[in-house]
């Protein structure tokens, strides 16, 4: 921890098998996450923060296996907080990127979708990018799907530009999914959604 943050840990509290809350020697609380995708996640958080649209925890440091971020005091979810986050997320999407699938600056050439490797290839066309880089690579590994089921996905990919309709700019910054387990409602609304 000291190698990453420059400060010795004073106390450590496990939150899960790969996430810990750590008090540093200066009294700050941080969250340390053990992950193979630490560099990609750090680059992504910094890129999202740079947009100024949605609050994200500050990155305190990382190495190849550890990501250390600012600890955000939790708060209750509420309709007002959800609406605020929705508006912030819309602003993030409007903040743009150079191409669909563009990697955050400083990110490694590949990242992860859950436990599956993902490349950061980019395209000018969202439908083509989605078919070639988010459906096709995983379809070939989807052993639970029948040949007929895979064929349906292949047909959709072949027609995806027609099915998706006209292009709708702007390109947007990549971010992870926003399911309940990934949302962190904050006591201070200026900190996080």
Protein backbone atom coordinates (compact mmCIF):
# COMPACT_ATOMS: atom_id res chain seq x y z
CA UNK A 1 0.00 0.00 0.00
CA UNK A 2 2.78 2.45 0.89
CA UNK A 3 4.42 1.86 -2.50
CA UNK A 4 1.20 2.93 -4.24
CA UNK A 5 0.01 5.80 -2.05
CA UNK A 6 3.24 6.95 -0.42
CA UNK A 7 1.63 6.44 3.00
CA UNK A 8 1.66 3.54 5.43
CA UNK A 9 -1.66 1.86 6.26
CA UNK A 10 -2.83 2.30 9.85
CA UNK A 11 -5.82 -0.06 9.74
CA UNK A 12 -7.42 -2.40 7.23
CA UNK A 13 -11.03 -3.60 7.09
CA UNK A 14 -12.09 -6.26 4.59
CA UNK A 15 -15.20 -5.43 2.55
CA UNK A 16 -15.04 -8.52 0.31
CA UNK A 17 -12.50 -11.09 -0.80
CA UNK A 18 -10.80 -8.54 -3.07
CA UNK A 19 -11.75 -5.12 -1.63
CA UNK A 20 -10.55 -3.46 1.57
CA UNK A 21 -11.15 -0.16 3.31
CA UNK A 22 -7.79 1.19 4.46
CA UNK A 23 -6.98 4.07 6.80
CA UNK A 24 -3.72 5.73 5.77
CA UNK A 25 -1.19 7.41 8.07
CA UNK A 26 -2.60 10.86 7.15
CA UNK A 27 -6.08 9.79 8.38
CA UNK A 28 -7.61 9.45 4.91
CA UNK A 29 -9.80 6.45 4.18
CA UNK A 30 -9.24 4.74 0.84
CA UNK A 31 -10.58 1.65 -0.86
CA UNK A 32 -8.00 -0.86 -2.12
CA UNK A 33 -9.13 -3.33 -4.77
CA UNK A 34 -7.07 -6.32 -5.92
CA UNK A 35 -7.71 -6.72 -9.64
CA UNK A 36 -5.83 -7.74 -12.77
CA UNK A 37 -7.44 -4.77 -14.53
CA UNK A 38 -6.12 -2.07 -12.17
CA UNK A 39 -4.43 0.04 -14.85
CA UNK A 40 -7.46 -0.03 -17.14
CA UNK A 41 -9.84 0.79 -14.28
CA UNK A 42 -7.66 3.67 -13.07
CA UNK A 43 -7.43 5.11 -16.60
CA UNK A 44 -11.19 4.78 -16.99
CA UNK A 45 -11.97 6.52 -13.69
CA UNK A 46 -9.59 9.36 -14.52
CA UNK A 47 -11.12 9.76 -18.01
CA UNK A 48 -14.65 9.85 -16.60
CA UNK A 49 -13.59 12.39 -13.96
CA UNK A 50 -11.87 14.53 -16.62
CA UNK A 51 -15.23 14.98 -18.39
CA UNK A 52 -16.50 16.89 -15.34
CA UNK A 53 -19.96 15.44 -15.83
CA UNK A 54 -20.35 12.69 -13.25
CA UNK A 55 -18.52 12.48 -9.93
CA UNK A 56 -16.28 9.44 -9.54
CA UNK A 57 -13.91 8.48 -6.72
CA UNK A 58 -10.45 9.95 -7.12
CA UNK A 59 -7.66 7.53 -7.99
CA UNK A 60 -5.00 7.60 -5.26
CA UNK A 61 -2.71 5.19 -7.09
CA UNK A 62 -2.39 1.82 -8.76
CA UNK A 63 0.06 -0.80 -9.90
CA UNK A 64 -0.44 -3.90 -12.03
CA UNK A 65 -2.61 -5.65 -9.40
CA UNK A 66 -3.95 -2.98 -7.05
CA UNK A 67 -6.23 0.02 -7.50
CA UNK A 68 -6.53 2.50 -4.63
CA UNK A 69 -9.35 5.03 -4.76
CA UNK A 70 -10.80 7.64 -2.46
CA UNK A 71 -13.35 6.25 0.00
CA UNK A 72 -16.75 7.91 -0.43
CA UNK A 73 -19.04 8.07 2.59
CA UNK A 74 -22.19 6.15 1.63
CA UNK A 75 -25.60 7.78 1.68
CA UNK A 76 -29.16 6.71 0.98
CA UNK A 77 -30.53 6.17 -2.49
CA UNK A 78 -33.44 8.45 -3.29
CA UNK A 79 -35.52 9.45 -6.29
CA UNK A 80 -33.73 12.83 -6.33
CA UNK A 81 -30.30 11.16 -6.26
CA UNK A 82 -31.32 8.78 -9.06
CA UNK A 83 -32.59 11.67 -11.18
CA UNK A 84 -29.40 13.65 -10.54
CA UNK A 85 -27.28 10.66 -11.53
CA UNK A 86 -29.34 10.14 -14.68
CA UNK A 87 -28.69 13.75 -15.71
CA UNK A 88 -24.99 13.39 -14.91
CA UNK A 89 -24.79 10.19 -16.95
CA UNK A 90 -26.48 11.93 -19.89
CA UNK A 91 -23.90 14.73 -19.62
CA UNK A 92 -21.12 12.12 -19.61
CA UNK A 93 -22.52 10.56 -22.77
CA UNK A 94 -22.65 14.01 -24.39
CA UNK A 95 -19.01 14.75 -23.43
CA UNK A 96 -17.86 12.71 -26.39
CA UNK A 97 -14.91 10.63 -27.53
CA UNK A 98 -12.95 10.42 -30.78
CA UNK A 99 -14.48 7.09 -31.85
CA UNK A 100 -16.82 4.40 -30.59
CA UNK A 101 -14.90 2.05 -28.31
CA UNK A 102 -12.02 4.50 -27.80
CA UNK A 103 -9.89 3.55 -24.82
CA UNK A 104 -9.25 6.03 -22.03
CA UNK A 105 -5.90 7.83 -22.35
CA UNK A 106 -3.20 5.78 -20.64
CA UNK A 107 -5.20 2.55 -20.71
CA UNK A 108 -3.52 -0.71 -21.68
CA UNK A 109 -4.44 -2.09 -25.14
CA UNK A 110 -6.98 -4.46 -23.63
CA UNK A 111 -9.28 -4.60 -20.64
CA UNK A 112 -11.99 -6.80 -19.17
CA UNK A 113 -15.73 -7.35 -19.36
CA UNK A 114 -16.22 -9.24 -16.13
CA UNK A 115 -13.72 -12.09 -16.38
CA UNK A 116 -13.55 -12.00 -20.20
CA UNK A 117 -10.72 -10.19 -21.98
CA UNK A 118 -11.76 -7.25 -24.16
CA UNK A 119 -9.83 -5.25 -26.73
CA UNK A 120 -10.07 -1.48 -27.04
CA UNK A 121 -10.52 -1.43 -30.80
CA UNK A 122 -12.43 1.60 -32.02
CA UNK A 123 -14.63 2.29 -35.04
CA UNK A 124 -16.36 5.29 -36.59
CA UNK A 125 -19.65 3.33 -36.69
CA UNK A 126 -21.29 2.30 -33.41
CA UNK A 127 -23.29 -0.63 -34.86
CA UNK A 128 -20.23 -2.09 -36.62
CA UNK A 129 -18.07 -1.58 -33.50
CA UNK A 130 -20.68 -3.27 -31.28
CA UNK A 131 -21.09 -6.26 -33.60
CA UNK A 132 -17.38 -6.80 -34.25
CA UNK A 133 -15.94 -6.00 -30.83
CA UNK A 134 -18.68 -6.67 -28.28
CA UNK A 135 -20.77 -9.50 -29.73
CA UNK A 136 -18.61 -11.58 -32.11
CA UNK A 137 -15.62 -12.20 -29.78
CA UNK A 138 -17.87 -13.46 -26.99
CA UNK A 139 -20.23 -15.39 -29.22
CA UNK A 140 -17.41 -17.70 -30.26
CA UNK A 141 -16.78 -18.47 -26.56
CA UNK A 142 -20.44 -18.89 -25.58
CA UNK A 143 -20.40 -22.66 -25.11
CA UNK A 144 -23.88 -22.74 -23.54
CA UNK A 145 -25.52 -21.44 -26.74
CA UNK A 146 -26.73 -23.87 -29.37
CA UNK A 147 -25.62 -23.54 -32.97
CA UNK A 148 -29.09 -22.20 -33.80
CA UNK A 149 -28.87 -19.57 -31.05
CA UNK A 150 -25.43 -18.49 -32.25
CA UNK A 151 -26.85 -18.26 -35.76
CA UNK A 152 -29.44 -15.75 -34.57
CA UNK A 153 -26.72 -13.51 -33.14
CA UNK A 154 -24.69 -13.88 -36.34
CA UNK A 155 -27.73 -12.79 -38.39
CA UNK A 156 -28.22 -9.75 -36.18
CA UNK A 157 -24.53 -8.83 -36.50
CA UNK A 158 -24.72 -9.15 -40.29
CA UNK A 159 -27.65 -6.70 -40.37
CA UNK A 160 -26.78 -4.55 -37.37
CA UNK A 161 -26.20 -1.30 -39.26
CA UNK A 162 -29.61 -1.65 -40.94
CA UNK A 163 -31.32 -2.65 -37.67
CA UNK A 164 -29.71 0.11 -35.61
CA UNK A 165 -31.01 2.87 -37.87
CA UNK A 166 -29.22 6.12 -38.60
CA UNK A 167 -26.03 7.07 -36.75
CA UNK A 168 -26.66 9.11 -33.63
CA UNK A 169 -23.61 11.13 -32.63
CA UNK A 170 -21.79 11.85 -30.50
CA UNK A 171 -19.39 9.05 -29.74
CA UNK A 172 -19.30 8.52 -26.00
CA UNK A 173 -16.75 7.59 -23.38
CA UNK A 174 -16.72 3.94 -22.35
CA UNK A 175 -17.88 3.15 -18.85
CA UNK A 176 -18.88 0.02 -17.02
CA UNK A 177 -22.42 -1.04 -16.48
CA UNK A 178 -24.53 0.79 -13.92
CA UNK A 179 -26.26 -2.05 -12.14
CA UNK A 180 -27.16 -1.80 -8.48
CA UNK A 181 -24.02 -3.49 -7.18
CA UNK A 182 -21.83 -0.97 -8.99
CA UNK A 183 -23.71 2.15 -7.91
CA UNK A 184 -22.53 3.92 -4.80
CA UNK A 185 -24.93 6.47 -3.38
CA UNK A 186 -22.98 9.13 -1.51
CA UNK A 187 -23.80 11.16 1.58
CA UNK A 188 -22.27 14.18 -0.20
CA UNK A 189 -24.07 14.59 -3.53
CA UNK A 190 -21.03 16.36 -4.98
CA UNK A 191 -18.93 13.22 -4.48
CA UNK A 192 -20.77 10.44 -6.31
CA UNK A 193 -24.13 9.53 -7.83
